[in-house]
Every structure is written in C-alpha cells, then in structure tokens.
Amino acid sequence: MDREFLFMLDQARHLCKIKFKIVKGYVSPDGQTRKNELNRSSHLIGRACEIFCKNSYKRYRIMTALLEVGFTRIGFADDRIYVDNDDLKPDAIWHFRVTNKKFYISPI
C-alpha cells in the first residue's frame, strides 16, 4: 500500500473518530477479479480502498473527514465507501451500486 494513501486514511479515521473496516485494499495483478482492473484500478498500485459503512450518519462523517484530509476521489454505495488518491485520474464524487459482484455507476 502507498504510504501517503495510508497516512491520509489514518488522518481521516482519527478526524471522524470512527473505526474503518476495509473490505477491499491492495489487489495484486494475479488476484484481480475483473479484466478492467488489470490496467486502470488504483487498487493495483495500493492507492485505493473500500470502507464498509451501512449507516448514513457514519457515511457522512467518514466522507467529510476524507474530503477534509485531501481525498478528491470518493464513491459511495449502500454499504461501502470507495476512496483513492490516484493522481492520474480526475477528481470526482460518484454513487455506485453493487449487485451480484457487478458495479453499476450512476452519476449524481
């Protein structure tokens, strides 16, 4: 995992005072599950994770803390928050659904 990414994630955790349960972190090229992860996923370079969160108030606090420490790429679903600090991708906030291990991204 990227040290700067982990430092920012730890800062956000301390700021919002909520424990983070990471459901997806680094993915090795051998362990990738979808073909598009091979070339484009920030998980492959250790600069992305997904945080489990089903509570809307906790989601608000976590996302606010992530923004406050400098993350500019955040996605959210009913049960998780995606965050990365990949410099090669544009700043964005988006909503996505997870259905049968498939991701559907819907613009906000």
C-alpha atoms as a PDB file:
ATOM      1  CA  MET A   1       0.000   0.000   0.000  1.00  0.00           C
ATOM      2  CA  ASP A   2       1.103   3.539  -0.737  1.00  0.00           C
ATOM      3  CA  ARG A   3       2.415   5.301   2.413  1.00  0.00           C
ATOM      4  CA  GLU A   4       0.821   8.665   1.602  1.00  0.00           C
ATOM      5  CA  PHE A   5      -2.543   6.972   0.989  1.00  0.00           C
ATOM      6  CA  LEU A   6      -2.363   5.128   4.317  1.00  0.00           C
ATOM      7  CA  PHE A   7      -1.306   8.315   6.148  1.00  0.00           C
ATOM      8  CA  MET A   8      -4.283  10.248   4.717  1.00  0.00           C
ATOM      9  CA  LEU A   9      -6.651   7.365   5.526  1.00  0.00           C
ATOM     10  CA  ASP A  10      -5.367   7.256   9.109  1.00  0.00           C
ATOM     11  CA  GLN A  11      -5.805  11.031   9.445  1.00  0.00           C
ATOM     12  CA  ALA A  12      -9.418  10.746   8.274  1.00  0.00           C
ATOM     13  CA  ARG A  13     -10.085   7.905  10.714  1.00  0.00           C
ATOM     14  CA  HIS A  14      -8.776   9.968  13.623  1.00  0.00           C
ATOM     15  CA  LEU A  15     -10.708  13.035  12.499  1.00  0.00           C
ATOM     16  CA  CYS A  16     -14.120  11.336  12.312  1.00  0.00           C
ATOM     17  CA  LYS A  17     -13.456   9.055  15.330  1.00  0.00           C
ATOM     18  CA  ILE A  18     -14.952   6.017  13.559  1.00  0.00           C
ATOM     19  CA  LYS A  19     -13.162   2.705  13.070  1.00  0.00           C
ATOM     20  CA  PHE A  20     -12.708   1.826   9.393  1.00  0.00           C
ATOM     21  CA  LYS A  21     -13.447  -1.714   8.279  1.00  0.00           C
ATOM     22  CA  ILE A  22     -11.563  -2.087   4.987  1.00  0.00           C
ATOM     23  CA  VAL A  23     -13.362  -4.558   2.706  1.00  0.00           C
ATOM     24  CA  LYS A  24     -11.011  -4.128  -0.263  1.00  0.00           C
ATOM     25  CA  GLY A  25      -7.487  -2.758  -0.379  1.00  0.00           C
ATOM     26  CA  TYR A  26      -4.488  -3.680  -2.477  1.00  0.00           C
ATOM     27  CA  VAL A  27      -5.210  -6.111  -5.328  1.00  0.00           C
ATOM     28  CA  SER A  28      -2.305  -7.917  -6.955  1.00  0.00           C
ATOM     29  CA  PRO A  29      -2.380  -8.440 -10.738  1.00  0.00           C
ATOM     30  CA  ASP A  30      -2.818 -12.171 -10.069  1.00  0.00           C
ATOM     31  CA  GLY A  31      -5.751 -11.567  -7.729  1.00  0.00           C
ATOM     32  CA  GLN A  32      -7.739  -9.176  -9.893  1.00  0.00           C
ATOM     33  CA  THR A  33     -11.312 -10.307 -10.472  1.00  0.00           C
ATOM     34  CA  ARG A  34     -12.353  -8.101 -13.380  1.00  0.00           C
ATOM     35  CA  LYS A  35     -10.350  -7.589 -16.546  1.00  0.00           C
ATOM     36  CA  ASN A  36     -10.559  -3.786 -16.402  1.00  0.00           C
ATOM     37  CA  GLU A  37      -8.795  -3.858 -13.022  1.00  0.00           C
ATOM     38  CA  LEU A  38      -5.665  -5.058 -14.770  1.00  0.00           C
ATOM     39  CA  ASN A  39      -4.833  -1.694 -16.320  1.00  0.00           C
ATOM     40  CA  ARG A  40      -6.882   1.007 -14.618  1.00  0.00           C
ATOM     41  CA  SER A  41      -7.568   0.106 -10.995  1.00  0.00           C
ATOM     42  CA  SER A  42      -5.978   2.238  -8.305  1.00  0.00           C
ATOM     43  CA  HIS A  43      -6.161  -0.884  -6.091  1.00  0.00           C
ATOM     44  CA  LEU A  44      -3.297  -2.325  -8.174  1.00  0.00           C
ATOM     45  CA  ILE A  45      -0.939   0.471  -7.127  1.00  0.00           C
ATOM     46  CA  GLY A  46      -2.031   0.481  -3.474  1.00  0.00           C
ATOM     47  CA  ARG A  47      -3.780   3.847  -3.641  1.00  0.00           C
ATOM     48  CA  ALA A  48      -7.435   2.799  -3.169  1.00  0.00           C
ATOM     49  CA  CYS A  49      -9.684   1.035  -0.697  1.00  0.00           C
ATOM     50  CA  GLU A  50     -13.314   0.392   0.107  1.00  0.00           C
ATOM     51  CA  ILE A  51     -14.607   1.067   3.616  1.00  0.00           C
ATOM     52  CA  PHE A  52     -17.639  -0.838   4.915  1.00  0.00           C
ATOM     53  CA  CYS A  53     -20.393   1.530   6.056  1.00  0.00           C
ATOM     54  CA  LYS A  54     -24.169   0.980   6.132  1.00  0.00           C
ATOM     55  CA  ASN A  55     -25.121   3.858   8.441  1.00  0.00           C
ATOM     56  CA  SER A  56     -25.877   7.146   6.642  1.00  0.00           C
ATOM     57  CA  TYR A  57     -24.705   9.353   9.530  1.00  0.00           C
ATOM     58  CA  LYS A  58     -21.383   7.472   9.768  1.00  0.00           C
ATOM     59  CA  ARG A  59     -21.091   7.631   5.973  1.00  0.00           C
ATOM     60  CA  TYR A  60     -21.495  11.415   6.148  1.00  0.00           C
ATOM     61  CA  ARG A  61     -18.843  11.726   8.876  1.00  0.00           C
ATOM     62  CA  ILE A  62     -16.382   9.433   7.059  1.00  0.00           C
ATOM     63  CA  MET A  63     -16.836  11.176   3.699  1.00  0.00           C
ATOM     64  CA  THR A  64     -16.474  14.614   5.305  1.00  0.00           C
ATOM     65  CA  ALA A  65     -13.243  13.523   7.009  1.00  0.00           C
ATOM     66  CA  LEU A  66     -11.900  12.027   3.755  1.00  0.00           C
ATOM     67  CA  LEU A  67     -12.516  15.324   1.960  1.00  0.00           C
ATOM     68  CA  GLU A  68     -11.023  17.323   4.819  1.00  0.00           C
ATOM     69  CA  VAL A  69      -7.704  15.437   4.717  1.00  0.00           C
ATOM     70  CA  GLY A  70      -7.402  15.936   0.967  1.00  0.00           C
ATOM     71  CA  PHE A  71      -9.011  12.993  -0.836  1.00  0.00           C
ATOM     72  CA  THR A  72     -10.664  14.165  -4.058  1.00  0.00           C
ATOM     73  CA  ARG A  73     -11.947  10.837  -5.457  1.00  0.00           C
ATOM     74  CA  ILE A  74     -14.776   9.270  -3.449  1.00  0.00           C
ATOM     75  CA  GLY A  75     -17.500   6.851  -4.466  1.00  0.00           C
ATOM     76  CA  PHE A  76     -20.284   5.572  -2.259  1.00  0.00           C
ATOM     77  CA  ALA A  77     -22.838   2.768  -2.260  1.00  0.00           C
ATOM     78  CA  ASP A  78     -25.389   1.480   0.259  1.00  0.00           C
ATOM     79  CA  ASP A  79     -22.792  -0.499   2.203  1.00  0.00           C
ATOM     80  CA  ARG A  80     -19.372   0.938   1.323  1.00  0.00           C
ATOM     81  CA  ILE A  81     -17.289   3.989   0.521  1.00  0.00           C
ATOM     82  CA  TYR A  82     -14.623   3.857  -2.171  1.00  0.00           C
ATOM     83  CA  VAL A  83     -11.686   6.251  -1.856  1.00  0.00           C
ATOM     84  CA  ASP A  84      -8.442   6.729  -3.765  1.00  0.00           C
ATOM     85  CA  ASN A  85      -5.737   9.333  -4.272  1.00  0.00           C
ATOM     86  CA  ASP A  86      -4.635   8.334  -7.769  1.00  0.00           C
ATOM     87  CA  ASP A  87      -3.008  11.394  -9.381  1.00  0.00           C
ATOM     88  CA  LEU A  88      -3.669  10.059 -12.893  1.00  0.00           C
ATOM     89  CA  LYS A  89      -7.465  10.186 -12.515  1.00  0.00           C
ATOM     90  CA  PRO A  90      -9.757  13.232 -12.405  1.00  0.00           C
ATOM     91  CA  ASP A  91     -11.308  14.484  -9.162  1.00  0.00           C
ATOM     92  CA  ALA A  92     -14.820  13.077  -8.696  1.00  0.00           C
ATOM     93  CA  ILE A  93     -17.562  12.033  -6.310  1.00  0.00           C
ATOM     94  CA  TRP A  94     -19.957   9.341  -7.535  1.00  0.00           C
ATOM     95  CA  HIS A  95     -22.590   6.846  -6.435  1.00  0.00           C
ATOM     96  CA  PHE A  96     -22.477   3.168  -7.387  1.00  0.00           C
ATOM     97  CA  ARG A  97     -24.465   0.008  -6.743  1.00  0.00           C
ATOM     98  CA  VAL A  98     -23.056  -3.433  -6.037  1.00  0.00           C
ATOM     99  CA  THR A  99     -25.271  -6.193  -7.439  1.00  0.00           C
ATOM    100  CA  ASN A 100     -24.025  -9.778  -7.670  1.00  0.00           C
ATOM    101  CA  LYS A 101     -20.394  -8.584  -7.545  1.00  0.00           C
ATOM    102  CA  LYS A 102     -21.016  -6.233 -10.517  1.00  0.00           C
ATOM    103  CA  PHE A 103     -20.633  -2.486 -10.153  1.00  0.00           C
ATOM    104  CA  TYR A 104     -23.070  -0.027 -11.704  1.00  0.00           C
ATOM    105  CA  ILE A 105     -22.005   3.588 -11.593  1.00  0.00           C
ATOM    106  CA  SER A 106     -24.688   6.258 -11.702  1.00  0.00           C
ATOM    107  CA  PRO A 107     -23.865   9.961 -11.981  1.00  0.00           C
ATOM    108  CA  ILE A 108     -25.086  12.335  -9.269  1.00  0.00           C
END
